[in-house]
Amino acid sequence: MIERPQVTLVVGASEDPGRYSNMAVRLLRSFGYQVIAFGKRQGVIGDVPIQTLWSTEWKVDTITLYINPSHQKELYSAIISLEPRRVIFNPGTENPEFNTMLMNSDILTEEACTLVLLRTGGY
């Protein structure tokens, strides 16, 4: 079994406190998770800088998506290449095509809300 750090990559991170991606970064941090935030614009969410350049060096356990399926296509291979244990499709990000690709790469997928999973102990 591959040993993975308990790091979550939030894809679609935003400095806007009204965005669910922002809430997810803050809640993950409050639960003690290490977080990498990836978004279109640089910024900071609490103590987490928003990265705008993808790194192939990231070691992550979970990737949680906050981007529309049409914007996911450009990240398919990049996400799969990180070999996360799982990818969470938050409400509005569901993507059957990408879901199948992930499952075929032995990556677990979940259609769920990261905020709810954290608050209910299911994360």
N, C-alpha and C. Protein backbone atom coordinates (compact mmCIF):
# COMPACT_ATOMS: atom_id res chain seq x y z
N MET A 1 0.84 -1.18 0.00
CA MET A 1 0.00 0.00 0.00
C MET A 1 0.88 1.25 0.00
N ILE A 2 0.51 2.24 -0.79
CA ILE A 2 1.27 3.48 -0.90
C ILE A 2 0.98 4.35 0.32
N GLU A 3 2.04 4.83 0.96
CA GLU A 3 1.89 5.75 2.09
C GLU A 3 1.71 7.16 1.54
N ARG A 4 0.57 7.78 1.87
CA ARG A 4 0.30 9.13 1.37
C ARG A 4 0.14 10.09 2.54
N PRO A 5 0.64 11.29 2.39
CA PRO A 5 0.40 12.30 3.43
C PRO A 5 -1.07 12.71 3.40
N GLN A 6 -1.59 13.13 4.52
CA GLN A 6 -2.98 13.57 4.57
C GLN A 6 -3.09 15.01 4.08
N VAL A 7 -2.82 15.17 2.79
CA VAL A 7 -2.86 16.48 2.15
C VAL A 7 -4.04 16.49 1.19
N THR A 8 -4.78 17.60 1.23
CA THR A 8 -5.90 17.77 0.30
C THR A 8 -5.57 18.90 -0.66
N LEU A 9 -5.78 18.65 -1.94
CA LEU A 9 -5.63 19.66 -2.98
C LEU A 9 -7.02 20.17 -3.33
N VAL A 10 -7.24 21.45 -3.13
CA VAL A 10 -8.52 22.09 -3.47
C VAL A 10 -8.34 22.75 -4.83
N VAL A 11 -9.04 22.23 -5.83
CA VAL A 11 -8.93 22.75 -7.20
C VAL A 11 -10.11 23.69 -7.46
N GLY A 12 -9.77 24.94 -7.77
CA GLY A 12 -10.78 25.96 -7.98
C GLY A 12 -10.85 26.92 -6.80
N ALA A 13 -9.74 27.00 -6.06
CA ALA A 13 -9.69 27.83 -4.86
C ALA A 13 -9.86 29.32 -5.19
N SER A 14 -10.57 30.02 -4.31
CA SER A 14 -10.85 31.43 -4.49
C SER A 14 -10.70 32.17 -3.16
N GLU A 15 -10.20 33.41 -3.24
CA GLU A 15 -10.10 34.25 -2.04
C GLU A 15 -11.47 34.73 -1.57
N ASP A 16 -12.48 34.65 -2.40
CA ASP A 16 -13.82 35.12 -2.06
C ASP A 16 -14.39 34.26 -0.93
N PRO A 17 -14.62 34.83 0.26
CA PRO A 17 -15.10 34.03 1.39
C PRO A 17 -16.49 33.44 1.17
N GLY A 18 -17.21 33.91 0.17
CA GLY A 18 -18.53 33.37 -0.13
C GLY A 18 -18.50 32.13 -1.02
N ARG A 19 -17.33 31.80 -1.53
CA ARG A 19 -17.19 30.62 -2.41
C ARG A 19 -16.97 29.37 -1.57
N TYR A 20 -17.57 28.27 -2.02
CA TYR A 20 -17.44 27.02 -1.28
C TYR A 20 -16.00 26.52 -1.22
N SER A 21 -15.23 26.80 -2.27
CA SER A 21 -13.82 26.38 -2.24
C SER A 21 -13.07 27.08 -1.10
N ASN A 22 -13.38 28.33 -0.87
CA ASN A 22 -12.76 29.08 0.22
C ASN A 22 -13.18 28.48 1.56
N MET A 23 -14.47 28.20 1.70
CA MET A 23 -14.97 27.60 2.94
C MET A 23 -14.30 26.24 3.18
N ALA A 24 -14.10 25.47 2.10
CA ALA A 24 -13.49 24.15 2.23
C ALA A 24 -12.05 24.26 2.71
N VAL A 25 -11.28 25.19 2.16
CA VAL A 25 -9.89 25.37 2.59
C VAL A 25 -9.87 25.70 4.08
N ARG A 26 -10.71 26.63 4.49
CA ARG A 26 -10.73 27.06 5.90
C ARG A 26 -11.16 25.92 6.83
N LEU A 27 -12.18 25.16 6.42
CA LEU A 27 -12.66 24.07 7.27
C LEU A 27 -11.64 22.93 7.33
N LEU A 28 -11.04 22.61 6.20
CA LEU A 28 -9.99 21.58 6.20
C LEU A 28 -8.86 21.97 7.15
N ARG A 29 -8.43 23.23 7.11
CA ARG A 29 -7.37 23.70 7.99
C ARG A 29 -7.81 23.62 9.45
N SER A 30 -9.07 23.97 9.72
CA SER A 30 -9.55 23.95 11.11
C SER A 30 -9.59 22.52 11.65
N PHE A 31 -9.70 21.54 10.75
CA PHE A 31 -9.67 20.13 11.14
C PHE A 31 -8.25 19.57 11.15
N GLY A 32 -7.27 20.42 10.85
CA GLY A 32 -5.88 20.02 10.94
C GLY A 32 -5.28 19.42 9.67
N TYR A 33 -6.01 19.48 8.57
CA TYR A 33 -5.47 18.94 7.31
C TYR A 33 -4.48 19.91 6.68
N GLN A 34 -3.47 19.36 6.03
CA GLN A 34 -2.59 20.16 5.19
C GLN A 34 -3.36 20.40 3.89
N VAL A 35 -3.27 21.61 3.37
CA VAL A 35 -4.05 21.96 2.17
C VAL A 35 -3.16 22.65 1.15
N ILE A 36 -3.34 22.25 -0.09
CA ILE A 36 -2.77 22.97 -1.23
C ILE A 36 -3.97 23.55 -1.96
N ALA A 37 -3.96 24.86 -2.18
CA ALA A 37 -5.05 25.52 -2.90
C ALA A 37 -4.55 25.86 -4.30
N PHE A 38 -5.35 25.49 -5.31
CA PHE A 38 -5.00 25.78 -6.70
C PHE A 38 -6.15 26.56 -7.31
N GLY A 39 -5.83 27.70 -7.92
CA GLY A 39 -6.87 28.52 -8.53
C GLY A 39 -6.34 29.35 -9.68
N LYS A 40 -7.24 30.14 -10.25
CA LYS A 40 -6.89 30.98 -11.39
C LYS A 40 -6.09 32.22 -10.98
N ARG A 41 -6.36 32.71 -9.76
CA ARG A 41 -5.72 33.94 -9.31
C ARG A 41 -4.94 33.71 -8.01
N GLN A 42 -3.77 34.32 -7.93
CA GLN A 42 -3.00 34.24 -6.70
C GLN A 42 -3.74 34.93 -5.57
N GLY A 43 -3.47 34.48 -4.38
CA GLY A 43 -4.08 35.07 -3.20
C GLY A 43 -3.78 34.18 -2.01
N VAL A 44 -4.50 34.41 -0.93
CA VAL A 44 -4.30 33.63 0.28
C VAL A 44 -5.65 33.38 0.92
N ILE A 45 -5.84 32.16 1.42
CA ILE A 45 -7.03 31.80 2.18
C ILE A 45 -6.52 31.41 3.56
N GLY A 46 -6.75 32.26 4.54
CA GLY A 46 -6.20 32.01 5.87
C GLY A 46 -4.68 31.96 5.77
N ASP A 47 -4.11 30.79 6.08
CA ASP A 47 -2.65 30.63 6.00
C ASP A 47 -2.22 29.84 4.76
N VAL A 48 -3.15 29.67 3.82
CA VAL A 48 -2.87 28.85 2.64
C VAL A 48 -2.78 29.73 1.38
N PRO A 49 -1.59 29.79 0.76
CA PRO A 49 -1.48 30.55 -0.48
C PRO A 49 -2.18 29.82 -1.63
N ILE A 50 -2.78 30.58 -2.52
CA ILE A 50 -3.41 29.98 -3.71
C ILE A 50 -2.34 29.89 -4.80
N GLN A 51 -2.08 28.66 -5.23
CA GLN A 51 -1.12 28.40 -6.30
C GLN A 51 -1.80 28.56 -7.65
N THR A 52 -1.11 29.16 -8.60
CA THR A 52 -1.68 29.31 -9.94
C THR A 52 -0.94 28.46 -10.97
N LEU A 53 0.17 27.88 -10.55
CA LEU A 53 0.92 26.98 -11.42
C LEU A 53 0.84 25.57 -10.87
N TRP A 54 0.47 24.64 -11.73
CA TRP A 54 0.33 23.23 -11.34
C TRP A 54 1.72 22.63 -11.08
N SER A 55 1.83 21.82 -10.05
CA SER A 55 3.09 21.14 -9.77
C SER A 55 2.92 19.64 -9.88
N THR A 56 3.82 19.00 -10.58
CA THR A 56 3.80 17.54 -10.67
C THR A 56 4.42 16.92 -9.42
N GLU A 57 4.95 17.74 -8.54
CA GLU A 57 5.61 17.28 -7.32
C GLU A 57 4.67 17.18 -6.12
N TRP A 58 3.45 17.68 -6.26
CA TRP A 58 2.52 17.63 -5.14
C TRP A 58 2.24 16.18 -4.75
N LYS A 59 2.27 15.90 -3.46
CA LYS A 59 1.93 14.58 -2.92
C LYS A 59 0.64 14.75 -2.16
N VAL A 60 -0.46 14.25 -2.72
CA VAL A 60 -1.77 14.46 -2.11
C VAL A 60 -2.53 13.15 -1.92
N ASP A 61 -3.35 13.14 -0.90
CA ASP A 61 -4.24 12.01 -0.64
C ASP A 61 -5.57 12.22 -1.36
N THR A 62 -6.10 13.44 -1.23
CA THR A 62 -7.43 13.75 -1.75
C THR A 62 -7.38 15.01 -2.60
N ILE A 63 -8.11 14.98 -3.71
CA ILE A 63 -8.32 16.18 -4.51
C ILE A 63 -9.82 16.46 -4.47
N THR A 64 -10.18 17.69 -4.10
CA THR A 64 -11.58 18.06 -4.06
C THR A 64 -11.82 19.15 -5.11
N LEU A 65 -12.77 18.90 -5.99
CA LEU A 65 -12.99 19.75 -7.15
C LEU A 65 -14.07 20.80 -6.92
N TYR A 66 -13.75 22.03 -7.30
CA TYR A 66 -14.69 23.14 -7.27
C TYR A 66 -14.67 23.87 -8.61
N ILE A 67 -14.50 23.12 -9.69
CA ILE A 67 -14.52 23.73 -11.02
C ILE A 67 -15.52 22.97 -11.90
N ASN A 68 -16.13 23.72 -12.77
CA ASN A 68 -17.11 23.20 -13.71
C ASN A 68 -16.50 22.09 -14.57
N PRO A 69 -17.29 21.05 -14.91
CA PRO A 69 -16.76 19.97 -15.75
C PRO A 69 -16.07 20.44 -17.03
N SER A 70 -16.55 21.53 -17.63
CA SER A 70 -15.92 22.00 -18.87
C SER A 70 -14.49 22.49 -18.63
N HIS A 71 -14.18 22.91 -17.41
CA HIS A 71 -12.83 23.37 -17.09
C HIS A 71 -11.96 22.23 -16.54
N GLN A 72 -12.57 21.09 -16.27
CA GLN A 72 -11.81 19.96 -15.74
C GLN A 72 -10.98 19.28 -16.83
N LYS A 73 -11.46 19.30 -18.07
CA LYS A 73 -10.79 18.59 -19.17
C LYS A 73 -9.30 18.89 -19.25
N GLU A 74 -8.95 20.17 -19.12
CA GLU A 74 -7.54 20.56 -19.24
C GLU A 74 -6.69 20.02 -18.09
N LEU A 75 -7.34 19.53 -17.03
CA LEU A 75 -6.60 19.01 -15.87
C LEU A 75 -6.68 17.49 -15.73
N TYR A 76 -7.39 16.82 -16.62
CA TYR A 76 -7.56 15.36 -16.50
C TYR A 76 -6.22 14.66 -16.26
N SER A 77 -5.29 14.81 -17.18
CA SER A 77 -4.04 14.06 -17.08
C SER A 77 -3.20 14.55 -15.90
N ALA A 78 -3.24 15.85 -15.61
CA ALA A 78 -2.47 16.39 -14.49
C ALA A 78 -2.97 15.82 -13.17
N ILE A 79 -4.28 15.73 -13.01
CA ILE A 79 -4.85 15.18 -11.77
C ILE A 79 -4.51 13.70 -11.65
N ILE A 80 -4.71 12.95 -12.72
CA ILE A 80 -4.42 11.51 -12.69
C ILE A 80 -2.95 11.27 -12.40
N SER A 81 -2.07 12.10 -12.94
CA SER A 81 -0.63 11.89 -12.76
C SER A 81 -0.19 12.08 -11.30
N LEU A 82 -0.97 12.81 -10.50
CA LEU A 82 -0.64 12.97 -9.08
C LEU A 82 -0.94 11.70 -8.28
N GLU A 83 -1.69 10.80 -8.87
CA GLU A 83 -2.06 9.53 -8.23
C GLU A 83 -2.65 9.72 -6.83
N PRO A 84 -3.69 10.57 -6.72
CA PRO A 84 -4.34 10.71 -5.41
C PRO A 84 -5.08 9.43 -5.05
N ARG A 85 -5.37 9.26 -3.77
CA ARG A 85 -6.19 8.11 -3.36
C ARG A 85 -7.62 8.31 -3.82
N ARG A 86 -8.11 9.57 -3.75
CA ARG A 86 -9.49 9.82 -4.16
C ARG A 86 -9.67 11.24 -4.70
N VAL A 87 -10.74 11.39 -5.46
CA VAL A 87 -11.16 12.69 -5.99
C VAL A 87 -12.61 12.88 -5.58
N ILE A 88 -12.90 14.04 -5.00
CA ILE A 88 -14.27 14.37 -4.60
C ILE A 88 -14.85 15.34 -5.60
N PHE A 89 -15.99 14.97 -6.16
CA PHE A 89 -16.75 15.85 -7.05
C PHE A 89 -17.80 16.54 -6.19
N ASN A 90 -17.58 17.81 -5.88
CA ASN A 90 -18.55 18.57 -5.09
C ASN A 90 -19.76 18.90 -5.96
N PRO A 91 -20.90 19.26 -5.34
CA PRO A 91 -22.10 19.57 -6.12
C PRO A 91 -21.81 20.58 -7.22
N GLY A 92 -22.24 20.24 -8.43
CA GLY A 92 -22.03 21.09 -9.59
C GLY A 92 -20.79 20.73 -10.39
N THR A 93 -19.96 19.83 -9.85
CA THR A 93 -18.73 19.45 -10.55
C THR A 93 -18.79 18.02 -11.10
N GLU A 94 -19.93 17.37 -10.92
CA GLU A 94 -20.07 15.98 -11.35
C GLU A 94 -19.71 15.86 -12.83
N ASN A 95 -18.96 14.79 -13.16
CA ASN A 95 -18.44 14.64 -14.50
C ASN A 95 -18.27 13.15 -14.81
N PRO A 96 -19.27 12.52 -15.42
CA PRO A 96 -19.20 11.07 -15.68
C PRO A 96 -17.97 10.65 -16.49
N GLU A 97 -17.57 11.45 -17.48
CA GLU A 97 -16.41 11.11 -18.30
C GLU A 97 -15.14 11.04 -17.44
N PHE A 98 -14.90 12.07 -16.64
CA PHE A 98 -13.71 12.12 -15.80
C PHE A 98 -13.79 11.08 -14.69
N ASN A 99 -14.97 10.89 -14.15
CA ASN A 99 -15.18 9.88 -13.12
C ASN A 99 -14.73 8.50 -13.62
N THR A 100 -15.11 8.17 -14.82
CA THR A 100 -14.73 6.88 -15.42
C THR A 100 -13.21 6.79 -15.60
N MET A 101 -12.62 7.88 -16.08
CA MET A 101 -11.16 7.90 -16.27
C MET A 101 -10.43 7.68 -14.94
N LEU A 102 -10.92 8.31 -13.89
CA LEU A 102 -10.30 8.16 -12.58
C LEU A 102 -10.44 6.73 -12.08
N MET A 103 -11.64 6.17 -12.19
CA MET A 103 -11.86 4.79 -11.74
C MET A 103 -10.98 3.82 -12.53
N ASN A 104 -10.82 4.06 -13.83
CA ASN A 104 -9.95 3.21 -14.65
C ASN A 104 -8.48 3.34 -14.26
N SER A 105 -8.15 4.41 -13.54
CA SER A 105 -6.78 4.62 -13.04
C SER A 105 -6.66 4.20 -11.57
N ASP A 106 -7.66 3.45 -11.09
CA ASP A 106 -7.67 2.97 -9.70
C ASP A 106 -7.66 4.10 -8.68
N ILE A 107 -8.34 5.19 -9.01
CA ILE A 107 -8.51 6.32 -8.09
C ILE A 107 -9.96 6.33 -7.64
N LEU A 108 -10.17 6.32 -6.34
CA LEU A 108 -11.53 6.35 -5.80
C LEU A 108 -12.18 7.69 -6.13
N THR A 109 -13.48 7.66 -6.38
CA THR A 109 -14.20 8.90 -6.63
C THR A 109 -15.41 8.96 -5.71
N GLU A 110 -15.82 10.18 -5.44
CA GLU A 110 -16.96 10.39 -4.57
C GLU A 110 -17.69 11.63 -5.02
N GLU A 111 -19.01 11.52 -5.20
CA GLU A 111 -19.82 12.70 -5.46
C GLU A 111 -20.41 13.11 -4.13
N ALA A 112 -19.83 14.14 -3.54
CA ALA A 112 -20.22 14.55 -2.19
C ALA A 112 -19.77 15.99 -1.96
N CYS A 113 -20.22 16.55 -0.86
CA CYS A 113 -19.83 17.89 -0.46
C CYS A 113 -18.74 17.77 0.60
N THR A 114 -17.58 18.30 0.31
CA THR A 114 -16.46 18.25 1.25
C THR A 114 -16.85 18.85 2.60
N LEU A 115 -17.59 19.94 2.60
CA LEU A 115 -18.00 20.59 3.84
C LEU A 115 -18.86 19.64 4.70
N VAL A 116 -19.79 18.97 4.06
CA VAL A 116 -20.66 18.02 4.77
C VAL A 116 -19.85 16.83 5.27
N LEU A 117 -18.97 16.31 4.42
CA LEU A 117 -18.13 15.17 4.84
C LEU A 117 -17.32 15.53 6.09
N LEU A 118 -16.74 16.72 6.11
CA LEU A 118 -15.94 17.13 7.25
C LEU A 118 -16.81 17.29 8.51
N ARG A 119 -17.96 17.92 8.35
CA ARG A 119 -18.82 18.20 9.51
C ARG A 119 -19.48 16.95 10.08
N THR A 120 -19.60 15.90 9.26
CA THR A 120 -20.27 14.68 9.73
C THR A 120 -19.27 13.57 10.04
N GLY A 121 -18.00 13.86 9.95
CA GLY A 121 -16.99 12.84 10.28
C GLY A 121 -16.77 11.83 9.17
N GLY A 122 -17.25 12.12 7.97
CA GLY A 122 -17.12 11.18 6.87
C GLY A 122 -15.96 11.46 5.94
N TYR A 123 -15.13 12.44 6.29
CA TYR A 123 -14.04 12.82 5.40
C TYR A 123 -12.92 11.80 5.47
